[in-house]
């Protein structure tokens, strides 16, 4: 009996591992263009790319672990059934309950692995993704292309003649900024130089020197205001219109630990937090349900070879 159990488990586990690798690769290919865009745009190092790969894997595993269990049980038993080994086992007195017990070993293992991943690993990976998104937003703001009108920033058009990047700051020369928050009354600012640093809110603080501000008044085209300054500080949003996020997983609810998630359930807006809590348990428990689907389909004898 133990020999047969180990033999069946080996057959199921081999297909489970192959299925898990294939499904993870398929899901990862969907996110690959966004990752490559982030790498090219921000000139990321090989270590940063490796971190992105590692932090995105737990979110894929939430889906691929149940899928791999289903494929492993289904194809493992189908291979045995196609070679008439299931018929020989049932003729020797083994009922469907025995195959369910063997399949449940893989399903329970997948459930425990999925629970550890969805309750502990995935939220921390999403926290790391959020931290990387903030760092990338600030890094992208420093890497302005010189002598190019940059319209990616929200409500701003930026032109810089010369850029000199540094650690934690950047020095710009011959700066042109168009504030189009109000399209009817745009505000133009020019400066001979600027020093750009990041503040505590991950936004930029620009210190402009030797500049001029040009401002119009909406509905009064005859009024035109010009003012000069020696030094002035201008806050500047680091987030761009086309944010280089690594996906929807940077939403704070996906990065919440379990104790914080349960605390938010008692709030008036707690329904979406309750849905997220149920989701973290539903995906791993799906391994047990899919195993019960795969065993009867797998042990059914078919003519025509393997599935």
C-alpha atoms as a PDB file:
ATOM      1  CA  UNK A   1       0.000   0.000   0.000  1.00  0.00           C
ATOM      2  CA  UNK A   2       2.773   2.451   0.868  1.00  0.00           C
ATOM      3  CA  UNK A   3       4.604   1.632  -2.345  1.00  0.00           C
ATOM      4  CA  UNK A   4       1.491   2.404  -4.391  1.00  0.00           C
ATOM      5  CA  UNK A   5       0.900   5.612  -2.432  1.00  0.00           C
ATOM      6  CA  UNK A   6       4.440   6.828  -3.077  1.00  0.00           C
ATOM      7  CA  UNK A   7       4.116   5.833  -6.738  1.00  0.00           C
ATOM      8  CA  UNK A   8       0.852   7.760  -7.201  1.00  0.00           C
ATOM      9  CA  UNK A   9       2.172  10.769  -5.263  1.00  0.00           C
ATOM     10  CA  UNK A  10       5.268  10.870  -7.455  1.00  0.00           C
ATOM     11  CA  UNK A  11       3.099  10.871 -10.556  1.00  0.00           C
ATOM     12  CA  UNK A  12       0.866  13.652  -9.229  1.00  0.00           C
ATOM     13  CA  UNK A  13       3.701  15.820  -7.885  1.00  0.00           C
ATOM     14  CA  UNK A  14       5.635  15.732 -11.158  1.00  0.00           C
ATOM     15  CA  UNK A  15       2.642  17.069 -13.094  1.00  0.00           C
ATOM     16  CA  UNK A  16       1.887  19.566 -10.306  1.00  0.00           C
ATOM     17  CA  UNK A  17       5.371  21.078 -10.463  1.00  0.00           C
ATOM     18  CA  UNK A  18       5.312  21.263 -14.252  1.00  0.00           C
ATOM     19  CA  UNK A  19       1.871  22.871 -14.204  1.00  0.00           C
ATOM     20  CA  UNK A  20       2.915  25.380 -11.555  1.00  0.00           C
ATOM     21  CA  UNK A  21       5.957  26.463 -13.552  1.00  0.00           C
ATOM     22  CA  UNK A  22       3.971  26.812 -16.780  1.00  0.00           C
ATOM     23  CA  UNK A  23       1.097  28.768 -15.227  1.00  0.00           C
ATOM     24  CA  UNK A  24       3.468  31.086 -13.356  1.00  0.00           C
ATOM     25  CA  UNK A  25       5.378  31.739 -16.562  1.00  0.00           C
ATOM     26  CA  UNK A  26       2.158  32.530 -18.438  1.00  0.00           C
ATOM     27  CA  UNK A  27       0.990  35.019 -15.799  1.00  0.00           C
ATOM     28  CA  UNK A  28       4.437  36.559 -15.610  1.00  0.00           C
ATOM     29  CA  UNK A  29       4.551  37.158 -19.372  1.00  0.00           C
ATOM     30  CA  UNK A  30       1.513  39.433 -19.004  1.00  0.00           C
ATOM     31  CA  UNK A  31       3.477  41.731 -16.657  1.00  0.00           C
ATOM     32  CA  UNK A  32       6.779  41.514 -18.539  1.00  0.00           C
ATOM     33  CA  UNK A  33       6.185  44.534 -20.858  1.00  0.00           C
ATOM     34  CA  UNK A  34       5.436  46.776 -17.854  1.00  0.00           C
ATOM     35  CA  UNK A  35       8.586  45.575 -16.072  1.00  0.00           C
ATOM     36  CA  UNK A  36      10.746  46.116 -19.155  1.00  0.00           C
ATOM     37  CA  UNK A  37       9.297  49.618 -19.570  1.00  0.00           C
ATOM     38  CA  UNK A  38      10.197  50.378 -15.968  1.00  0.00           C
ATOM     39  CA  UNK A  39      13.723  49.005 -16.463  1.00  0.00           C
ATOM     40  CA  UNK A  40      14.372  51.034 -19.627  1.00  0.00           C
ATOM     41  CA  UNK A  41      12.784  54.234 -18.328  1.00  0.00           C
ATOM     42  CA  UNK A  42      14.613  54.224 -14.997  1.00  0.00           C
ATOM     43  CA  UNK A  43      17.877  52.535 -16.042  1.00  0.00           C
ATOM     44  CA  UNK A  44      17.444  49.980 -13.278  1.00  0.00           C
ATOM     45  CA  UNK A  45      20.283  47.708 -12.247  1.00  0.00           C
ATOM     46  CA  UNK A  46      20.233  43.931 -12.490  1.00  0.00           C
ATOM     47  CA  UNK A  47      19.689  43.709  -8.717  1.00  0.00           C
ATOM     48  CA  UNK A  48      16.595  45.935  -8.937  1.00  0.00           C
ATOM     49  CA  UNK A  49      15.155  43.794 -11.730  1.00  0.00           C
ATOM     50  CA  UNK A  50      15.767  40.647  -9.667  1.00  0.00           C
ATOM     51  CA  UNK A  51      13.936  42.252  -6.719  1.00  0.00           C
ATOM     52  CA  UNK A  52      10.953  43.009  -8.946  1.00  0.00           C
ATOM     53  CA  UNK A  53      10.821  39.383 -10.081  1.00  0.00           C
ATOM     54  CA  UNK A  54      11.000  38.071  -6.519  1.00  0.00           C
ATOM     55  CA  UNK A  55       8.367  40.460  -5.130  1.00  0.00           C
ATOM     56  CA  UNK A  56       5.861  39.693  -7.897  1.00  0.00           C
ATOM     57  CA  UNK A  57       6.089  35.909  -7.570  1.00  0.00           C
ATOM     58  CA  UNK A  58       3.960  35.552  -4.372  1.00  0.00           C
ATOM     59  CA  UNK A  59       1.024  37.278  -6.072  1.00  0.00           C
ATOM     60  CA  UNK A  60       1.227  34.836  -8.970  1.00  0.00           C
ATOM     61  CA  UNK A  61       1.479  31.874  -6.591  1.00  0.00           C
ATOM     62  CA  UNK A  62      -1.908  32.738  -5.069  1.00  0.00           C
ATOM     63  CA  UNK A  63      -3.505  31.690  -8.371  1.00  0.00           C
ATOM     64  CA  UNK A  64      -1.045  29.167  -9.754  1.00  0.00           C
ATOM     65  CA  UNK A  65      -0.884  26.900  -6.683  1.00  0.00           C
ATOM     66  CA  UNK A  66      -4.587  25.831  -6.924  1.00  0.00           C
ATOM     67  CA  UNK A  67      -4.263  25.536 -10.707  1.00  0.00           C
ATOM     68  CA  UNK A  68      -1.170  23.371 -10.356  1.00  0.00           C
ATOM     69  CA  UNK A  69      -2.913  21.077  -7.855  1.00  0.00           C
ATOM     70  CA  UNK A  70      -5.815  20.575 -10.251  1.00  0.00           C
ATOM     71  CA  UNK A  71      -3.544  19.827 -13.199  1.00  0.00           C
ATOM     72  CA  UNK A  72      -1.341  17.513 -11.136  1.00  0.00           C
ATOM     73  CA  UNK A  73      -4.261  15.449  -9.822  1.00  0.00           C
ATOM     74  CA  UNK A  74      -6.044  15.372 -13.158  1.00  0.00           C
ATOM     75  CA  UNK A  75      -3.083  14.459 -15.353  1.00  0.00           C
ATOM     76  CA  UNK A  76      -1.468  12.185 -12.758  1.00  0.00           C
ATOM     77  CA  UNK A  77      -4.540   9.962 -12.444  1.00  0.00           C
ATOM     78  CA  UNK A  78      -5.262  10.264 -16.188  1.00  0.00           C
ATOM     79  CA  UNK A  79      -1.824   8.856 -16.994  1.00  0.00           C
ATOM     80  CA  UNK A  80      -2.432   5.921 -14.649  1.00  0.00           C
ATOM     81  CA  UNK A  81      -5.897   5.386 -16.117  1.00  0.00           C
ATOM     82  CA  UNK A  82      -4.643   5.491 -19.709  1.00  0.00           C
ATOM     83  CA  UNK A  83      -2.167   2.660 -18.921  1.00  0.00           C
ATOM     84  CA  UNK A  84      -4.937   0.672 -17.172  1.00  0.00           C
ATOM     85  CA  UNK A  85      -3.112   0.928 -13.847  1.00  0.00           C
ATOM     86  CA  UNK A  86      -6.196   2.404 -12.196  1.00  0.00           C
ATOM     87  CA  UNK A  87      -8.207  -0.612 -13.369  1.00  0.00           C
ATOM     88  CA  UNK A  88      -5.635  -2.967 -11.824  1.00  0.00           C
ATOM     89  CA  UNK A  89      -5.701  -1.068  -8.531  1.00  0.00           C
ATOM     90  CA  UNK A  90      -9.491  -1.055  -8.355  1.00  0.00           C
ATOM     91  CA  UNK A  91      -9.570  -4.773  -9.227  1.00  0.00           C
ATOM     92  CA  UNK A  92      -7.323  -5.397  -6.223  1.00  0.00           C
ATOM     93  CA  UNK A  93      -9.891  -3.813  -3.910  1.00  0.00           C
ATOM     94  CA  UNK A  94      -8.937  -0.130  -3.873  1.00  0.00           C
ATOM     95  CA  UNK A  95     -11.981   2.128  -4.086  1.00  0.00           C
ATOM     96  CA  UNK A  96     -12.371   5.747  -5.066  1.00  0.00           C
ATOM     97  CA  UNK A  97     -11.878   6.742  -1.422  1.00  0.00           C
ATOM     98  CA  UNK A  98      -8.260   5.590  -1.558  1.00  0.00           C
ATOM     99  CA  UNK A  99      -7.511   7.791  -4.558  1.00  0.00           C
ATOM    100  CA  UNK A 100      -9.185  10.737  -2.823  1.00  0.00           C
ATOM    101  CA  UNK A 101      -6.989  10.212   0.233  1.00  0.00           C
ATOM    102  CA  UNK A 102      -3.847  10.128  -1.902  1.00  0.00           C
ATOM    103  CA  UNK A 103      -4.924  13.212  -3.819  1.00  0.00           C
ATOM    104  CA  UNK A 104      -5.796  14.991  -0.586  1.00  0.00           C
ATOM    105  CA  UNK A 105      -2.149  14.749   0.516  1.00  0.00           C
ATOM    106  CA  UNK A 106      -1.147  16.979  -2.385  1.00  0.00           C
ATOM    107  CA  UNK A 107      -4.218  19.190  -1.914  1.00  0.00           C
ATOM    108  CA  UNK A 108      -3.571  19.723   1.804  1.00  0.00           C
ATOM    109  CA  UNK A 109       0.082  20.489   1.083  1.00  0.00           C
ATOM    110  CA  UNK A 110      -0.975  23.020  -1.565  1.00  0.00           C
ATOM    111  CA  UNK A 111      -3.506  24.554   0.837  1.00  0.00           C
ATOM    112  CA  UNK A 112      -0.945  25.014   3.614  1.00  0.00           C
ATOM    113  CA  UNK A 113       1.605  26.437   1.181  1.00  0.00           C
ATOM    114  CA  UNK A 114      -1.039  28.747  -0.288  1.00  0.00           C
ATOM    115  CA  UNK A 115      -2.139  29.967   3.150  1.00  0.00           C
ATOM    116  CA  UNK A 116       1.432  30.764   4.142  1.00  0.00           C
ATOM    117  CA  UNK A 117       1.893  32.606   0.856  1.00  0.00           C
ATOM    118  CA  UNK A 118      -1.383  34.602   0.884  1.00  0.00           C
ATOM    119  CA  UNK A 119      -1.432  35.439   4.620  1.00  0.00           C
ATOM    120  CA  UNK A 120       2.242  36.175   5.220  1.00  0.00           C
ATOM    121  CA  UNK A 121       4.447  36.359   2.131  1.00  0.00           C
ATOM    122  CA  UNK A 122       2.240  38.179  -0.419  1.00  0.00           C
ATOM    123  CA  UNK A 123       1.330  41.194   1.809  1.00  0.00           C
ATOM    124  CA  UNK A 124       4.996  41.783   2.611  1.00  0.00           C
ATOM    125  CA  UNK A 125       5.929  41.452  -1.050  1.00  0.00           C
ATOM    126  CA  UNK A 126       3.281  44.060  -1.904  1.00  0.00           C
ATOM    127  CA  UNK A 127       4.704  46.366   0.773  1.00  0.00           C
ATOM    128  CA  UNK A 128       8.072  46.071  -0.945  1.00  0.00           C
ATOM    129  CA  UNK A 129       6.444  46.800  -4.319  1.00  0.00           C
ATOM    130  CA  UNK A 130       4.874  49.970  -2.903  1.00  0.00           C
ATOM    131  CA  UNK A 131       8.248  51.081  -1.553  1.00  0.00           C
ATOM    132  CA  UNK A 132       9.878  50.446  -4.922  1.00  0.00           C
ATOM    133  CA  UNK A 133       7.134  52.427  -6.698  1.00  0.00           C
ATOM    134  CA  UNK A 134       7.835  55.462  -4.506  1.00  0.00           C
ATOM    135  CA  UNK A 135      11.561  55.159  -5.103  1.00  0.00           C
ATOM    136  CA  UNK A 136      11.060  54.816  -8.859  1.00  0.00           C
ATOM    137  CA  UNK A 137       8.824  57.890  -8.949  1.00  0.00           C
ATOM    138  CA  UNK A 138      11.528  59.985  -7.290  1.00  0.00           C
ATOM    139  CA  UNK A 139      14.307  58.476  -9.380  1.00  0.00           C
ATOM    140  CA  UNK A 140      12.364  59.132 -12.599  1.00  0.00           C
ATOM    141  CA  UNK A 141      11.928  62.769 -11.624  1.00  0.00           C
ATOM    142  CA  UNK A 142      15.702  63.226 -11.378  1.00  0.00           C
ATOM    143  CA  UNK A 143      16.327  61.710 -14.789  1.00  0.00           C
ATOM    144  CA  UNK A 144      14.773  64.471 -16.870  1.00  0.00           C
ATOM    145  CA  UNK A 145      15.984  64.464 -20.450  1.00  0.00           C
ATOM    146  CA  UNK A 146      17.740  67.763 -21.232  1.00  0.00           C
ATOM    147  CA  UNK A 147      16.555  69.931 -24.141  1.00  0.00           C
ATOM    148  CA  UNK A 148      13.242  68.071 -24.362  1.00  0.00           C
ATOM    149  CA  UNK A 149       9.795  69.384 -23.465  1.00  0.00           C
ATOM    150  CA  UNK A 150       8.552  66.870 -20.877  1.00  0.00           C
ATOM    151  CA  UNK A 151       4.749  66.688 -20.665  1.00  0.00           C
ATOM    152  CA  UNK A 152       4.555  63.555 -18.514  1.00  0.00           C
ATOM    153  CA  UNK A 153       4.155  65.463 -15.261  1.00  0.00           C
ATOM    154  CA  UNK A 154       0.627  66.169 -14.144  1.00  0.00           C
ATOM    155  CA  UNK A 155      -0.414  69.774 -14.966  1.00  0.00           C
ATOM    156  CA  UNK A 156       3.166  70.786 -15.813  1.00  0.00           C
ATOM    157  CA  UNK A 157       5.312  71.140 -18.915  1.00  0.00           C
ATOM    158  CA  UNK A 158       9.023  71.117 -18.110  1.00  0.00           C
ATOM    159  CA  UNK A 159      12.066  72.041 -20.174  1.00  0.00           C
ATOM    160  CA  UNK A 160      15.646  71.927 -18.867  1.00  0.00           C
ATOM    161  CA  UNK A 161      18.665  72.955 -20.900  1.00  0.00           C
ATOM    162  CA  UNK A 162      21.254  71.059 -18.827  1.00  0.00           C
ATOM    163  CA  UNK A 163      20.888  68.341 -16.163  1.00  0.00           C
ATOM    164  CA  UNK A 164      23.474  67.286 -13.620  1.00  0.00           C
ATOM    165  CA  UNK A 165      22.265  64.448 -11.412  1.00  0.00           C
ATOM    166  CA  UNK A 166      23.627  63.767  -7.963  1.00  0.00           C
ATOM    167  CA  UNK A 167      22.954  61.614  -4.914  1.00  0.00           C
ATOM    168  CA  UNK A 168      19.606  62.678  -3.489  1.00  0.00           C
ATOM    169  CA  UNK A 169      19.508  65.864  -5.573  1.00  0.00           C
ATOM    170  CA  UNK A 170      19.872  67.214  -9.081  1.00  0.00           C
ATOM    171  CA  UNK A 171      21.088  70.514 -10.498  1.00  0.00           C
ATOM    172  CA  UNK A 172      19.271  71.987 -13.489  1.00  0.00           C
ATOM    173  CA  UNK A 173      20.274  74.956 -15.623  1.00  0.00           C
ATOM    174  CA  UNK A 174      18.029  77.137 -17.804  1.00  0.00           C
ATOM    175  CA  UNK A 175      14.689  75.858 -16.534  1.00  0.00           C
ATOM    176  CA  UNK A 176      11.314  76.513 -18.161  1.00  0.00           C
ATOM    177  CA  UNK A 177       8.110  75.462 -16.321  1.00  0.00           C
ATOM    178  CA  UNK A 178       4.554  75.910 -17.602  1.00  0.00           C
ATOM    179  CA  UNK A 179       1.859  75.401 -14.979  1.00  0.00           C
ATOM    180  CA  UNK A 180      -1.338  74.507 -16.882  1.00  0.00           C
ATOM    181  CA  UNK A 181      -3.463  73.607 -13.883  1.00  0.00           C
ATOM    182  CA  UNK A 182      -5.857  76.271 -15.179  1.00  0.00           C
ATOM    183  CA  UNK A 183      -5.645  76.096 -18.998  1.00  0.00           C
ATOM    184  CA  UNK A 184      -7.301  79.520 -19.280  1.00  0.00           C
ATOM    185  CA  UNK A 185      -4.637  81.146 -17.105  1.00  0.00           C
ATOM    186  CA  UNK A 186      -1.307  79.340 -17.534  1.00  0.00           C
ATOM    187  CA  UNK A 187       1.633  80.373 -15.400  1.00  0.00           C
ATOM    188  CA  UNK A 188       5.126  80.411 -16.910  1.00  0.00           C
ATOM    189  CA  UNK A 189       8.249  80.306 -14.750  1.00  0.00           C
ATOM    190  CA  UNK A 190      11.817  80.571 -16.025  1.00  0.00           C
ATOM    191  CA  UNK A 191      14.992  80.327 -13.978  1.00  0.00           C
ATOM    192  CA  UNK A 192      18.719  80.371 -14.598  1.00  0.00           C
ATOM    193  CA  UNK A 193      19.265  77.334 -12.343  1.00  0.00           C
ATOM    194  CA  UNK A 194      17.461  75.028  -9.952  1.00  0.00           C
ATOM    195  CA  UNK A 195      18.311  72.491  -7.284  1.00  0.00           C
ATOM    196  CA  UNK A 196      15.847  69.605  -6.988  1.00  0.00           C
ATOM    197  CA  UNK A 197      15.504  67.420  -3.892  1.00  0.00           C
ATOM    198  CA  UNK A 198      12.871  65.008  -2.620  1.00  0.00           C
ATOM    199  CA  UNK A 199      10.886  65.865   0.505  1.00  0.00           C
ATOM    200  CA  UNK A 200       9.369  63.504   3.081  1.00  0.00           C
ATOM    201  CA  UNK A 201       6.172  63.055   1.021  1.00  0.00           C
ATOM    202  CA  UNK A 202       8.085  61.724  -2.002  1.00  0.00           C
ATOM    203  CA  UNK A 203       7.353  64.974  -3.891  1.00  0.00           C
ATOM    204  CA  UNK A 204       9.981  67.297  -5.291  1.00  0.00           C
ATOM    205  CA  UNK A 205      11.096  70.609  -3.899  1.00  0.00           C
ATOM    206  CA  UNK A 206      12.643  72.868  -6.517  1.00  0.00           C
ATOM    207  CA  UNK A 207      14.759  75.820  -5.427  1.00  0.00           C
ATOM    208  CA  UNK A 208      14.811  78.207  -8.382  1.00  0.00           C
ATOM    209  CA  UNK A 209      17.375  81.000  -8.737  1.00  0.00           C
ATOM    210  CA  UNK A 210      17.412  84.175 -10.831  1.00  0.00           C
ATOM    211  CA  UNK A 211      14.013  83.649 -12.378  1.00  0.00           C
ATOM    212  CA  UNK A 212      10.917  85.326 -13.739  1.00  0.00           C
ATOM    213  CA  UNK A 213       7.222  84.480 -13.404  1.00  0.00           C
ATOM    214  CA  UNK A 214       4.722  85.323 -16.139  1.00  0.00           C
ATOM    215  CA  UNK A 215       1.046  85.096 -15.246  1.00  0.00           C
ATOM    216  CA  UNK A 216      -2.200  85.932 -17.005  1.00  0.00           C
ATOM    217  CA  UNK A 217      -5.705  86.334 -15.625  1.00  0.00           C
ATOM    218  CA  UNK A 218      -8.549  84.250 -17.033  1.00  0.00           C
ATOM    219  CA  UNK A 219     -11.086  86.411 -18.867  1.00  0.00           C
ATOM    220  CA  UNK A 220      -8.806  89.455 -18.822  1.00  0.00           C
ATOM    221  CA  UNK A 221      -6.358  89.110 -21.728  1.00  0.00           C
ATOM    222  CA  UNK A 222      -5.205  92.708 -21.332  1.00  0.00           C
ATOM    223  CA  UNK A 223      -3.788  91.968 -17.854  1.00  0.00           C
ATOM    224  CA  UNK A 224      -0.336  90.389 -17.819  1.00  0.00           C
ATOM    225  CA  UNK A 225       1.739  90.103 -14.638  1.00  0.00           C
ATOM    226  CA  UNK A 226       5.515  89.739 -14.593  1.00  0.00           C
ATOM    227  CA  UNK A 227       7.587  89.315 -11.430  1.00  0.00           C
ATOM    228  CA  UNK A 228      11.226  88.490 -10.813  1.00  0.00           C
ATOM    229  CA  UNK A 229      12.916  86.706  -7.941  1.00  0.00           C
ATOM    230  CA  UNK A 230      16.398  85.866  -6.743  1.00  0.00           C
ATOM    231  CA  UNK A 231      15.444  82.604  -5.003  1.00  0.00           C
ATOM    232  CA  UNK A 232      12.120  80.820  -4.578  1.00  0.00           C
ATOM    233  CA  UNK A 233      10.978  77.330  -3.619  1.00  0.00           C
ATOM    234  CA  UNK A 234       8.448  75.536  -5.792  1.00  0.00           C
ATOM    235  CA  UNK A 235       6.820  72.213  -4.804  1.00  0.00           C
ATOM    236  CA  UNK A 236       6.578  69.814  -7.683  1.00  0.00           C
ATOM    237  CA  UNK A 237       4.639  66.536  -7.817  1.00  0.00           C
ATOM    238  CA  UNK A 238       6.981  63.625  -8.472  1.00  0.00           C
ATOM    239  CA  UNK A 239       4.193  61.371  -9.730  1.00  0.00           C
ATOM    240  CA  UNK A 240       3.790  61.371 -13.477  1.00  0.00           C
ATOM    241  CA  UNK A 241       0.672  60.940 -15.569  1.00  0.00           C
ATOM    242  CA  UNK A 242       1.855  57.554 -16.770  1.00  0.00           C
ATOM    243  CA  UNK A 243       2.976  56.243 -13.399  1.00  0.00           C
ATOM    244  CA  UNK A 244       5.528  53.453 -13.700  1.00  0.00           C
ATOM    245  CA  UNK A 245       3.706  51.253 -11.248  1.00  0.00           C
ATOM    246  CA  UNK A 246       4.474  47.570 -11.156  1.00  0.00           C
ATOM    247  CA  UNK A 247       0.771  46.736 -11.326  1.00  0.00           C
ATOM    248  CA  UNK A 248      -2.441  47.068  -9.361  1.00  0.00           C
ATOM    249  CA  UNK A 249      -0.767  45.227  -6.473  1.00  0.00           C
ATOM    250  CA  UNK A 250       0.595  48.487  -5.114  1.00  0.00           C
ATOM    251  CA  UNK A 251      -2.865  49.332  -3.729  1.00  0.00           C
ATOM    252  CA  UNK A 252      -2.448  49.600   0.067  1.00  0.00           C
ATOM    253  CA  UNK A 253      -5.196  47.052   0.836  1.00  0.00           C
ATOM    254  CA  UNK A 254      -3.151  44.252  -0.781  1.00  0.00           C
ATOM    255  CA  UNK A 255      -0.157  45.102   1.409  1.00  0.00           C
ATOM    256  CA  UNK A 256      -1.992  45.131   4.738  1.00  0.00           C
ATOM    257  CA  UNK A 257      -0.986  42.496   7.307  1.00  0.00           C
ATOM    258  CA  UNK A 258      -3.760  40.334   8.730  1.00  0.00           C
ATOM    259  CA  UNK A 259      -4.181  42.174  12.047  1.00  0.00           C
ATOM    260  CA  UNK A 260      -4.520  45.538  10.306  1.00  0.00           C
ATOM    261  CA  UNK A 261      -6.917  44.074   7.740  1.00  0.00           C
ATOM    262  CA  UNK A 262      -9.184  42.664  10.478  1.00  0.00           C
ATOM    263  CA  UNK A 263      -9.172  46.029  12.245  1.00  0.00           C
ATOM    264  CA  UNK A 264     -10.414  47.806   9.102  1.00  0.00           C
ATOM    265  CA  UNK A 265     -13.306  45.359   8.751  1.00  0.00           C
ATOM    266  CA  UNK A 266     -15.064  47.029  11.705  1.00  0.00           C
ATOM    267  CA  UNK A 267     -14.983  50.442  10.000  1.00  0.00           C
ATOM    268  CA  UNK A 268     -17.951  51.796   7.957  1.00  0.00           C
ATOM    269  CA  UNK A 269     -16.033  51.035   4.753  1.00  0.00           C
ATOM    270  CA  UNK A 270     -15.109  47.565   5.945  1.00  0.00           C
ATOM    271  CA  UNK A 271     -16.850  45.512   3.262  1.00  0.00           C
ATOM    272  CA  UNK A 272     -13.979  45.674   0.771  1.00  0.00           C
ATOM    273  CA  UNK A 273     -11.527  44.718   3.522  1.00  0.00           C
ATOM    274  CA  UNK A 274     -13.737  41.724   4.371  1.00  0.00           C
ATOM    275  CA  UNK A 275     -13.687  40.693   0.703  1.00  0.00           C
ATOM    276  CA  UNK A 276      -9.893  40.871   0.669  1.00  0.00           C
ATOM    277  CA  UNK A 277      -9.744  38.759   3.864  1.00  0.00           C
ATOM    278  CA  UNK A 278     -11.987  36.088   2.343  1.00  0.00           C
ATOM    279  CA  UNK A 279      -9.923  36.127  -0.846  1.00  0.00           C
ATOM    280  CA  UNK A 280      -6.748  35.342   1.086  1.00  0.00           C
ATOM    281  CA  UNK A 281      -8.398  32.198   2.444  1.00  0.00           C
ATOM    282  CA  UNK A 282     -10.440  31.279  -0.651  1.00  0.00           C
ATOM    283  CA  UNK A 283      -7.546  30.788  -3.068  1.00  0.00           C
ATOM    284  CA  UNK A 284      -5.639  28.276  -0.892  1.00  0.00           C
ATOM    285  CA  UNK A 285      -8.792  26.354   0.110  1.00  0.00           C
ATOM    286  CA  UNK A 286      -9.603  26.026  -3.598  1.00  0.00           C
ATOM    287  CA  UNK A 287      -6.892  23.344  -3.716  1.00  0.00           C
ATOM    288  CA  UNK A 288      -9.175  20.983  -1.759  1.00  0.00           C
ATOM    289  CA  UNK A 289     -12.190  21.723  -3.961  1.00  0.00           C
ATOM    290  CA  UNK A 290     -10.258  21.322  -7.209  1.00  0.00           C
ATOM    291  CA  UNK A 291      -8.770  18.047  -5.968  1.00  0.00           C
ATOM    292  CA  UNK A 292     -12.292  16.686  -5.476  1.00  0.00           C
ATOM    293  CA  UNK A 293     -13.034  17.684  -9.061  1.00  0.00           C
ATOM    294  CA  UNK A 294      -9.837  16.253 -10.491  1.00  0.00           C
ATOM    295  CA  UNK A 295      -9.874  12.786  -8.865  1.00  0.00           C
ATOM    296  CA  UNK A 296     -13.129  11.443 -10.413  1.00  0.00           C
ATOM    297  CA  UNK A 297     -12.229  12.932 -13.796  1.00  0.00           C
ATOM    298  CA  UNK A 298      -8.716  11.525 -13.647  1.00  0.00           C
ATOM    299  CA  UNK A 299      -9.519   7.952 -12.625  1.00  0.00           C
ATOM    300  CA  UNK A 300     -12.074   7.561 -15.424  1.00  0.00           C
ATOM    301  CA  UNK A 301     -10.680   5.206 -18.064  1.00  0.00           C
ATOM    302  CA  UNK A 302     -10.542   6.648 -21.569  1.00  0.00           C
ATOM    303  CA  UNK A 303      -9.561   5.272 -24.909  1.00  0.00           C
ATOM    304  CA  UNK A 304      -7.193   7.200 -27.099  1.00  0.00           C
ATOM    305  CA  UNK A 305      -4.152   7.681 -24.879  1.00  0.00           C
ATOM    306  CA  UNK A 306      -3.102  10.547 -22.609  1.00  0.00           C
ATOM    307  CA  UNK A 307      -4.998  13.790 -22.151  1.00  0.00           C
END
